[in-house]
Amino acid sequence: MSGAHWSVIGILALGAFSIRVLGLIAGGRIRASRHAWMLDDLPGLIVVTLVAASLTGQPLQTWAAAAAALGAAVLTNHVIATMVIGVAAFAGLSAIWQ
């Protein structure tokens, strides 16, 4: 590899490290502020964002399976049950609609 390649790798590594350090600093300041309640809901919001983004452009059976998984999550509040119901719904709907 050339020197330019190593420079890009170094800059990207420094950028990734800087983002993590700034995240730690910002998280510490948020925990000490009156906005600390937001950190409690953050993991769930990240999951919802990832699932919503992955549903973009998907067929109807994927949306129906996601709705079934959401219903299971609300009713049971159990992660494994939610995953099993979502996968079973997707498998069943995919078999029916093809």
C-alpha atoms as a PDB file:
ATOM      1  CA  MET A   1       0.000   0.000   0.000  1.00  0.00           C
ATOM      2  CA  SER A   2       1.104   3.503  -0.678  1.00  0.00           C
ATOM      3  CA  GLY A   3       1.526   6.340   1.771  1.00  0.00           C
ATOM      4  CA  ALA A   4      -1.811   7.785   0.661  1.00  0.00           C
ATOM      5  CA  HIS A   5      -3.569   4.584   1.676  1.00  0.00           C
ATOM      6  CA  TRP A   6      -1.968   4.639   5.118  1.00  0.00           C
ATOM      7  CA  SER A   7      -2.898   8.299   5.502  1.00  0.00           C
ATOM      8  CA  VAL A   8      -6.555   7.562   4.764  1.00  0.00           C
ATOM      9  CA  ILE A   9      -6.530   4.623   7.197  1.00  0.00           C
ATOM     10  CA  GLY A  10      -4.963   6.803   9.892  1.00  0.00           C
ATOM     11  CA  ILE A  11      -7.420   9.649   9.368  1.00  0.00           C
ATOM     12  CA  LEU A  12     -10.398   7.269   9.471  1.00  0.00           C
ATOM     13  CA  ALA A  13      -9.083   5.582  12.626  1.00  0.00           C
ATOM     14  CA  LEU A  14      -8.587   8.959  14.294  1.00  0.00           C
ATOM     15  CA  GLY A  15     -12.093  10.005  13.245  1.00  0.00           C
ATOM     16  CA  ALA A  16     -13.659   6.822  14.629  1.00  0.00           C
ATOM     17  CA  PHE A  17     -11.784   7.196  17.908  1.00  0.00           C
ATOM     18  CA  SER A  18     -12.784  10.863  18.164  1.00  0.00           C
ATOM     19  CA  ILE A  19     -16.455  10.026  17.659  1.00  0.00           C
ATOM     20  CA  ARG A  20     -16.309   7.505  20.506  1.00  0.00           C
ATOM     21  CA  VAL A  21     -14.549   9.885  22.873  1.00  0.00           C
ATOM     22  CA  LEU A  22     -16.993  12.691  22.073  1.00  0.00           C
ATOM     23  CA  GLY A  23     -19.870  10.259  22.651  1.00  0.00           C
ATOM     24  CA  LEU A  24     -18.505   9.396  26.082  1.00  0.00           C
ATOM     25  CA  ILE A  25     -18.095  13.060  26.962  1.00  0.00           C
ATOM     26  CA  ALA A  26     -21.562  13.985  25.695  1.00  0.00           C
ATOM     27  CA  GLY A  27     -23.132  11.004  27.487  1.00  0.00           C
ATOM     28  CA  GLY A  28     -21.503  12.013  30.750  1.00  0.00           C
ATOM     29  CA  ARG A  29     -22.769  15.560  30.421  1.00  0.00           C
ATOM     30  CA  ILE A  30     -26.273  14.412  29.538  1.00  0.00           C
ATOM     31  CA  ARG A  31     -26.354  12.059  32.553  1.00  0.00           C
ATOM     32  CA  ALA A  32     -25.512  15.005  34.806  1.00  0.00           C
ATOM     33  CA  SER A  33     -28.175  17.261  33.269  1.00  0.00           C
ATOM     34  CA  ARG A  34     -31.943  17.440  33.501  1.00  0.00           C
ATOM     35  CA  HIS A  35     -32.138  15.562  30.148  1.00  0.00           C
ATOM     36  CA  ALA A  36     -30.907  12.274  31.637  1.00  0.00           C
ATOM     37  CA  TRP A  37     -34.331  10.681  31.120  1.00  0.00           C
ATOM     38  CA  MET A  38     -33.651  10.595  27.355  1.00  0.00           C
ATOM     39  CA  LEU A  39     -30.851   8.055  27.799  1.00  0.00           C
ATOM     40  CA  ASP A  40     -33.309   5.560  29.318  1.00  0.00           C
ATOM     41  CA  ASP A  41     -35.363   5.479  26.103  1.00  0.00           C
ATOM     42  CA  LEU A  42     -32.431   5.646  23.679  1.00  0.00           C
ATOM     43  CA  PRO A  43     -31.894   1.872  23.079  1.00  0.00           C
ATOM     44  CA  GLY A  44     -35.533   1.354  22.169  1.00  0.00           C
ATOM     45  CA  LEU A  45     -35.517   4.375  19.886  1.00  0.00           C
ATOM     46  CA  ILE A  46     -32.448   3.070  18.080  1.00  0.00           C
ATOM     47  CA  VAL A  47     -34.128  -0.314  17.503  1.00  0.00           C
ATOM     48  CA  VAL A  48     -37.294   1.337  16.211  1.00  0.00           C
ATOM     49  CA  THR A  49     -35.244   3.496  13.850  1.00  0.00           C
ATOM     50  CA  LEU A  50     -33.341   0.511  12.468  1.00  0.00           C
ATOM     51  CA  VAL A  51     -36.503  -1.558  11.986  1.00  0.00           C
ATOM     52  CA  ALA A  52     -38.370   1.324  10.348  1.00  0.00           C
ATOM     53  CA  ALA A  53     -35.497   1.951   7.955  1.00  0.00           C
ATOM     54  CA  SER A  54     -35.281  -1.740   7.063  1.00  0.00           C
ATOM     55  CA  LEU A  55     -38.999  -1.867   6.230  1.00  0.00           C
ATOM     56  CA  THR A  56     -38.633   0.740   3.512  1.00  0.00           C
ATOM     57  CA  GLY A  57     -39.479  -0.785   0.151  1.00  0.00           C
ATOM     58  CA  GLN A  58     -40.357  -4.205   1.577  1.00  0.00           C
ATOM     59  CA  PRO A  59     -43.380  -6.254   0.455  1.00  0.00           C
ATOM     60  CA  LEU A  60     -46.646  -6.456   2.377  1.00  0.00           C
ATOM     61  CA  GLN A  61     -45.813  -9.749   4.124  1.00  0.00           C
ATOM     62  CA  THR A  62     -42.766  -8.118   5.728  1.00  0.00           C
ATOM     63  CA  TRP A  63     -44.895  -5.281   7.049  1.00  0.00           C
ATOM     64  CA  ALA A  64     -47.504  -7.746   8.327  1.00  0.00           C
ATOM     65  CA  ALA A  65     -44.834  -9.809  10.098  1.00  0.00           C
ATOM     66  CA  ALA A  66     -43.422  -6.616  11.637  1.00  0.00           C
ATOM     67  CA  ALA A  67     -46.910  -5.721  12.859  1.00  0.00           C
ATOM     68  CA  ALA A  68     -47.276  -9.194  14.375  1.00  0.00           C
ATOM     69  CA  ALA A  69     -43.906  -8.816  16.095  1.00  0.00           C
ATOM     70  CA  LEU A  70     -44.905  -5.389  17.387  1.00  0.00           C
ATOM     71  CA  GLY A  71     -48.133  -6.828  18.771  1.00  0.00           C
ATOM     72  CA  ALA A  72     -46.215  -9.623  20.459  1.00  0.00           C
ATOM     73  CA  ALA A  73     -43.756  -7.120  21.939  1.00  0.00           C
ATOM     74  CA  VAL A  74     -46.554  -4.983  23.358  1.00  0.00           C
ATOM     75  CA  LEU A  75     -48.506  -7.932  24.751  1.00  0.00           C
ATOM     76  CA  THR A  76     -45.690 -10.099  26.113  1.00  0.00           C
ATOM     77  CA  ASN A  77     -42.766  -7.696  26.697  1.00  0.00           C
ATOM     78  CA  HIS A  78     -40.544 -10.723  25.986  1.00  0.00           C
ATOM     79  CA  VAL A  79     -37.776 -10.421  23.398  1.00  0.00           C
ATOM     80  CA  ILE A  80     -37.559 -14.103  22.422  1.00  0.00           C
ATOM     81  CA  ALA A  81     -41.318 -14.473  22.082  1.00  0.00           C
ATOM     82  CA  THR A  82     -41.364 -11.373  19.892  1.00  0.00           C
ATOM     83  CA  MET A  83     -38.643 -12.755  17.620  1.00  0.00           C
ATOM     84  CA  VAL A  84     -40.295 -16.179  17.360  1.00  0.00           C
ATOM     85  CA  ILE A  85     -43.686 -14.708  16.517  1.00  0.00           C
ATOM     86  CA  GLY A  86     -42.178 -12.296  13.973  1.00  0.00           C
ATOM     87  CA  VAL A  87     -40.184 -15.025  12.209  1.00  0.00           C
ATOM     88  CA  ALA A  88     -43.121 -17.437  12.265  1.00  0.00           C
ATOM     89  CA  ALA A  89     -45.428 -14.766  10.856  1.00  0.00           C
ATOM     90  CA  PHE A  90     -42.960 -13.920   8.096  1.00  0.00           C
ATOM     91  CA  ALA A  91     -42.415 -17.600   7.198  1.00  0.00           C
ATOM     92  CA  GLY A  92     -46.140 -18.311   7.180  1.00  0.00           C
ATOM     93  CA  LEU A  93     -47.059 -15.226   5.184  1.00  0.00           C
ATOM     94  CA  SER A  94     -44.228 -15.785   2.705  1.00  0.00           C
ATOM     95  CA  ALA A  95     -45.415 -19.356   2.119  1.00  0.00           C
ATOM     96  CA  ILE A  96     -49.008 -18.217   1.597  1.00  0.00           C
ATOM     97  CA  TRP A  97     -48.309 -15.197  -0.651  1.00  0.00           C
ATOM     98  CA  GLN A  98     -45.911 -16.864  -3.061  1.00  0.00           C
END
